[in-house]
């Protein structure tokens, strides 16, 4: 059945040039990792079938006139189809749209609205995001901390994927670019006078709109785990990032710099500038 429906949908695409106007009037809104589809109701339609290329995505009832395709790759072209069908599964109309997703690339900024700035280290926090396509590891976002002088330090991933250094302990005073990036980023959020002796990346998790890095640090023979998570979203037409670092260790939690801005909660909210 699915194969027949797909075939019919493609045949309708070929016949579209003979139609004076598509009753569906499909509209598409492209976001970085999703596409919002909407369309006009077709008389007699009982179902609306959604296709991503040749893949059937969803069958929707007649009272639904919108659908969001999520977990898509950024800056990628997609051919999408909406097909209206009656109770006998007969085709009433269909329309194809070609849509390219946007991306999350850009500079995002959090501004401290208070005088509580961890001794001047957290007045402003900026991150630059860059979409990367890797033949082995797929698509992901690189993140660079942007300093006040415009210089940048790559903080995610700290090590290239596949590097033999990933997962190994690194001395806190290591002067490699990775060591410097980790140290300068960590010191922004460390409110204590104590510094770890070493650290390592335990693991990372990458999703379409979020990334998490799990870091272990060792200080005075005590090893603690922290989880740093970056979530990307759109609010009021603005691209934003929610950034949090948490730990199950009460010791680690007690020295982490908390967001002092009223109304923002625990997460640091960065907005694209």
Foldseek 3Di string as FASTA:
>chain_A
DLQVLLVVQVVLAVCVVVDPDFQFCWDWDAAFFKIKIFTDQDPQFQWKWKDWNSRTDDIDGRVDGMDMDGQHHGQDKIKMKIFTAHPVRDTDGMDIDIDTHHHLFFKWKFAAPDPPQLVVLRRMWMKGWDWDADPVPGIDIWIWTADPVRDTATVPPLDPPPDPCAFPKDACPDPDSSSVSVNSVVSSFFNDPDDFGIKHWHDKDTGRFKIKTWMWTHHPRDIWIKIWMWGWDADPNWIKIWIAIDTPDPVVVVGTHARPDPPPPRTGIITGD
